Amino acid sequence: MASEEECREFEQLCVQYPELVAARNEFEESLEKQAFDKAVPPPSFLKEKILSNIRGQDASGKEAKIVSMNARPQNSGWLRYVAAAAVILFVASGWFAFDQYSKRQKLAGSYSRLQYQIDSVNTILARQQQSMIDPDASMVVNMQGTQPSSVSSASIYWDTASSNVFLVVRNLPQLPTEKQYQLWAFIEGKPVDLGLFDWDSKNVILQMKNTQKAEAFAITIENRGNGAVPQGPVETMGKISL
């Protein structure tokens, strides 16, 4: 039921949101399980009846009456097989088409609900970003990965009037349990601790320690519970543009 553009958009969302792939797989597995659970076995007499008809006998075992329809009756046997195969193929193709249509309809409904949830989350995040800082005193500092091949990125929303600092994480590698990320503000060239944090995809916005001054912000990878002096490598960094 989806257009090519909608299919491409759905596949892109699957790459960004693993939970969508899991939901699709779970949904398809549930349909398959439901089909097997509700399968109705054919009556036991049906197989014998079909075989009897093919052999030219009725259900009682008596020879069935054969009416010749053409001058070459020897061809009627394979014609019955062809006709039976055609009927089976027609029924099977009809069931397959209906099954695929039902799956597409339900998957389209799941996609619509997930898209609505994503739009709702984006709206909430936008409202939070607008309400958590004073627009007249706000400053946004974008931090990028320090390595050439790094895809790490984050942003600092800094309210210079209230000194509130909010960290918005876009992408950071997952760390082992003994490691943590730590945010730093550089004041007169010296790093000042703004807090340790653990990050996963559910924690998008983090409120960190306040700072009244800063020339740049950076995130380092530290041992869990690190103190006020950076020890590990710098993952992302961004300078303040005046």
Protein backbone atom coordinates (compact mmCIF):
# COMPACT_ATOMS: atom_id res chain seq x y z
CA MET A 1 0.00 0.00 0.00
CA ALA A 2 2.99 2.34 0.50
CA SER A 3 4.52 4.46 -2.24
CA GLU A 4 8.19 4.19 -3.20
CA GLU A 5 8.94 7.39 -1.28
CA GLU A 6 7.18 6.06 1.83
CA CYS A 7 9.09 2.77 1.55
CA ARG A 8 12.40 4.61 1.35
CA GLU A 9 11.45 6.77 4.33
CA PHE A 10 10.45 3.67 6.30
CA GLU A 11 13.76 1.92 5.54
CA GLN A 12 15.68 5.05 6.60
CA LEU A 13 13.77 5.09 9.87
CA CYS A 14 14.65 1.41 10.37
CA VAL A 15 18.32 2.34 10.16
CA GLN A 16 17.88 5.17 12.69
CA TYR A 17 15.52 3.34 15.06
CA PRO A 18 16.35 -0.33 15.79
CA GLU A 19 13.17 -0.62 17.81
CA LEU A 20 11.18 -0.16 14.59
CA VAL A 21 12.95 -3.16 13.02
CA ALA A 22 12.27 -5.20 16.16
CA ALA A 23 8.60 -4.19 16.10
CA ARG A 24 8.29 -5.16 12.43
CA ASN A 25 9.94 -8.55 12.99
CA GLU A 26 7.82 -9.23 16.06
CA PHE A 27 4.70 -8.27 14.15
CA GLU A 28 5.51 -10.58 11.22
CA GLU A 29 6.34 -13.46 13.57
CA SER A 30 3.04 -12.97 15.40
CA LEU A 31 1.14 -13.12 12.09
CA GLU A 32 2.91 -16.35 11.14
CA LYS A 33 2.25 -17.87 14.57
CA GLN A 34 -1.40 -16.84 14.40
CA ALA A 35 -1.76 -18.47 10.98
CA PHE A 36 -0.34 -21.77 12.28
CA ASP A 37 -2.31 -21.62 15.53
CA LYS A 38 -5.61 -21.08 13.71
CA ALA A 39 -4.92 -23.52 10.88
CA VAL A 40 -7.89 -25.87 10.34
CA PRO A 41 -6.90 -29.46 9.40
CA PRO A 42 -8.90 -30.92 6.48
CA PRO A 43 -11.44 -33.68 7.25
CA SER A 44 -9.93 -37.15 7.32
CA PHE A 45 -12.29 -38.39 4.57
CA LEU A 46 -11.30 -35.64 2.12
CA LYS A 47 -7.99 -37.20 1.05
CA GLU A 48 -9.61 -40.56 0.24
CA LYS A 49 -12.46 -38.88 -1.59
CA ILE A 50 -10.05 -36.92 -3.80
CA LEU A 51 -7.96 -40.00 -4.52
CA SER A 52 -11.11 -41.98 -5.32
CA ASN A 53 -12.24 -39.34 -7.78
CA ILE A 54 -8.83 -39.35 -9.42
CA ARG A 55 -8.89 -43.15 -9.67
CA GLY A 56 -12.38 -43.00 -11.15
CA GLN A 57 -14.19 -44.38 -8.08
CA ASP A 58 -16.83 -42.87 -5.83
CA ALA A 59 -16.62 -42.77 -2.00
CA SER A 60 -18.21 -46.23 -1.69
CA GLY A 61 -15.43 -47.84 -3.68
CA LYS A 62 -17.65 -48.60 -6.72
CA GLU A 63 -16.50 -47.80 -10.19
CA ALA A 64 -17.63 -44.30 -11.08
CA LYS A 65 -19.54 -43.71 -14.28
CA ILE A 66 -17.32 -42.26 -16.97
CA VAL A 67 -18.85 -40.09 -19.66
CA SER A 68 -16.67 -39.63 -22.69
CA MET A 69 -16.40 -36.00 -23.82
CA ASN A 70 -14.16 -36.47 -26.83
CA ALA A 71 -12.74 -39.02 -29.18
CA ARG A 72 -9.42 -39.25 -27.27
CA PRO A 73 -10.28 -40.30 -23.68
CA GLN A 74 -6.69 -41.27 -22.96
CA ASN A 75 -5.90 -37.54 -22.43
CA SER A 76 -8.54 -37.02 -19.73
CA GLY A 77 -6.22 -38.26 -16.94
CA TRP A 78 -3.57 -35.58 -17.28
CA LEU A 79 -6.25 -32.95 -17.89
CA ARG A 80 -7.72 -33.74 -14.47
CA TYR A 81 -4.28 -33.27 -12.92
CA VAL A 82 -3.86 -29.95 -14.72
CA ALA A 83 -7.30 -28.77 -13.64
CA ALA A 84 -6.69 -29.79 -10.03
CA ALA A 85 -3.29 -28.07 -10.02
CA ALA A 86 -4.84 -24.92 -11.50
CA VAL A 87 -7.50 -24.82 -8.80
CA ILE A 88 -4.94 -25.36 -6.03
CA LEU A 89 -2.68 -22.67 -7.49
CA PHE A 90 -5.59 -20.24 -7.76
CA VAL A 91 -6.64 -20.79 -4.15
CA ALA A 92 -3.05 -20.57 -2.89
CA SER A 93 -2.32 -17.35 -4.81
CA GLY A 94 -5.54 -15.80 -3.52
CA TRP A 95 -4.67 -16.66 0.07
CA PHE A 96 -1.10 -15.35 -0.37
CA ALA A 97 -2.37 -12.05 -1.83
CA PHE A 98 -4.84 -11.63 1.03
CA ASP A 99 -2.17 -12.50 3.61
CA GLN A 100 0.30 -9.99 2.15
CA TYR A 101 -2.39 -7.30 1.97
CA SER A 102 -3.28 -7.85 5.63
CA LYS A 103 0.39 -7.65 6.64
CA ARG A 104 0.86 -4.42 4.69
CA GLN A 105 -2.23 -2.89 6.25
CA LYS A 106 -1.16 -3.75 9.80
CA LEU A 107 2.46 -2.73 9.17
CA ALA A 108 1.28 0.58 7.72
CA GLY A 109 -0.76 1.15 10.88
CA SER A 110 2.25 0.35 13.07
CA TYR A 111 4.41 2.70 11.01
CA SER A 112 1.87 5.51 11.34
CA ARG A 113 1.69 5.07 15.11
CA LEU A 114 5.48 5.02 15.41
CA GLN A 115 5.82 8.11 13.20
CA TYR A 116 3.29 9.90 15.39
CA GLN A 117 5.30 8.95 18.49
CA ILE A 118 8.53 10.19 16.86
CA ASP A 119 6.89 13.50 15.91
CA SER A 120 5.56 13.85 19.45
CA VAL A 121 9.00 13.25 20.95
CA ASN A 122 10.57 15.79 18.59
CA THR A 123 7.91 18.33 19.57
CA ILE A 124 8.56 17.73 23.28
CA LEU A 125 12.32 18.09 22.79
CA ALA A 126 11.84 21.35 20.89
CA ARG A 127 9.64 22.73 23.66
CA GLN A 128 12.15 21.64 26.31
CA GLN A 129 14.99 23.33 24.47
CA GLN A 130 12.95 26.53 24.18
CA SER A 131 11.87 26.55 27.82
CA MET A 132 15.13 25.50 29.47
CA ILE A 133 17.09 28.60 28.39
CA ASP A 134 16.48 32.32 28.11
CA PRO A 135 16.40 33.11 24.37
CA ASP A 136 17.90 36.54 24.97
CA ALA A 137 20.87 35.10 26.88
CA SER A 138 21.25 31.74 25.19
CA MET A 139 24.32 30.38 23.48
CA VAL A 140 24.65 27.17 21.48
CA VAL A 141 28.04 25.48 21.14
CA ASN A 142 28.32 22.55 18.76
CA MET A 143 30.92 19.90 19.62
CA GLN A 144 32.33 17.53 17.03
CA GLY A 145 34.53 14.43 17.28
CA THR A 146 38.23 15.14 17.58
CA GLN A 147 39.28 12.18 15.39
CA PRO A 148 39.02 12.32 11.57
CA SER A 149 36.78 9.25 11.38
CA SER A 150 34.71 10.11 14.47
CA VAL A 151 30.93 10.51 14.18
CA SER A 152 30.54 11.78 17.74
CA SER A 153 28.59 15.02 18.13
CA ALA A 154 26.81 16.97 20.87
CA SER A 155 25.62 20.49 21.58
CA ILE A 156 25.78 22.76 24.62
CA TYR A 157 22.81 25.01 25.38
CA TRP A 158 24.21 27.59 27.77
CA ASP A 159 22.10 30.25 29.45
CA THR A 160 24.68 32.91 30.28
CA ALA A 161 22.17 34.77 32.48
CA SER A 162 21.34 31.88 34.81
CA SER A 163 24.58 29.91 34.15
CA ASN A 164 22.47 26.81 33.34
CA VAL A 165 24.20 24.29 31.09
CA PHE A 166 22.28 21.65 29.14
CA LEU A 167 24.01 18.95 27.11
CA VAL A 168 22.18 17.58 24.06
CA VAL A 169 23.87 14.37 22.87
CA ARG A 170 23.43 13.43 19.22
CA ASN A 171 25.86 10.57 18.97
CA LEU A 172 28.48 9.06 21.29
CA PRO A 173 30.00 5.56 21.36
CA GLN A 174 28.78 3.17 24.03
CA LEU A 175 31.33 2.79 26.82
CA PRO A 176 32.21 -0.22 28.99
CA THR A 177 30.80 -0.15 32.52
CA GLU A 178 34.09 0.99 34.07
CA LYS A 179 34.14 4.16 31.91
CA GLN A 180 32.13 7.40 31.94
CA TYR A 181 31.92 10.58 29.92
CA GLN A 182 32.83 13.88 31.57
CA LEU A 183 31.96 17.40 30.41
CA TRP A 184 34.45 20.24 30.80
CA ALA A 185 34.31 24.01 30.41
CA PHE A 186 37.59 25.71 29.54
CA ILE A 187 38.03 28.95 31.48
CA GLU A 188 41.22 30.91 30.80
CA GLY A 189 42.64 27.79 29.19
CA LYS A 190 42.02 25.51 32.19
CA PRO A 191 39.42 22.68 32.27
CA VAL A 192 36.65 22.98 34.85
CA ASP A 193 34.53 19.93 35.69
CA LEU A 194 30.86 20.18 34.66
CA GLY A 195 29.95 16.62 35.63
CA LEU A 196 30.28 12.93 34.81
CA PHE A 197 27.50 11.20 32.91
CA ASP A 198 26.49 7.86 31.41
CA TRP A 199 24.85 8.08 28.02
CA ASP A 200 22.51 5.91 26.02
CA SER A 201 19.96 6.67 23.32
CA LYS A 202 17.24 7.31 25.95
CA ASN A 203 19.15 10.14 27.65
CA VAL A 204 19.15 12.81 24.97
CA ILE A 205 19.10 15.96 27.14
CA LEU A 206 21.24 16.18 30.29
CA GLN A 207 21.46 19.06 32.73
CA MET A 208 25.07 19.56 33.80
CA LYS A 209 26.79 21.77 36.37
CA ASN A 210 26.43 25.52 35.94
CA THR A 211 29.20 27.79 34.75
CA GLN A 212 29.35 31.57 34.47
CA LYS A 213 32.30 31.62 32.09
CA ALA A 214 33.59 29.43 29.31
CA GLU A 215 35.77 29.70 26.23
CA ALA A 216 35.13 26.17 24.99
CA PHE A 217 33.47 22.90 25.99
CA ALA A 218 34.77 19.33 25.67
CA ILE A 219 33.75 15.77 26.51
CA THR A 220 36.39 13.25 27.62
CA ILE A 221 36.31 9.52 28.35
CA GLU A 222 37.29 8.89 31.97
CA ASN A 223 37.40 6.11 34.49
CA ARG A 224 34.15 5.87 36.44
CA GLY A 225 34.07 8.40 39.27
CA ASN A 226 36.90 10.55 37.90
CA GLY A 227 37.75 13.72 39.82
CA ALA A 228 38.18 17.37 38.83
CA VAL A 229 41.18 16.80 36.55
CA PRO A 230 40.84 15.21 33.08
CA GLN A 231 42.76 11.97 32.64
CA GLY A 232 41.35 10.40 29.48
CA PRO A 233 41.14 11.25 25.76
CA VAL A 234 38.99 14.04 24.36
CA GLU A 235 35.97 12.65 22.45
CA THR A 236 34.31 15.91 21.32
CA MET A 237 35.15 19.60 21.56
CA GLY A 238 33.66 22.93 20.51
CA LYS A 239 34.80 26.52 20.85
CA ILE A 240 32.55 29.46 21.60
CA SER A 241 32.08 31.81 18.67
CA LEU A 242 31.97 35.41 19.83
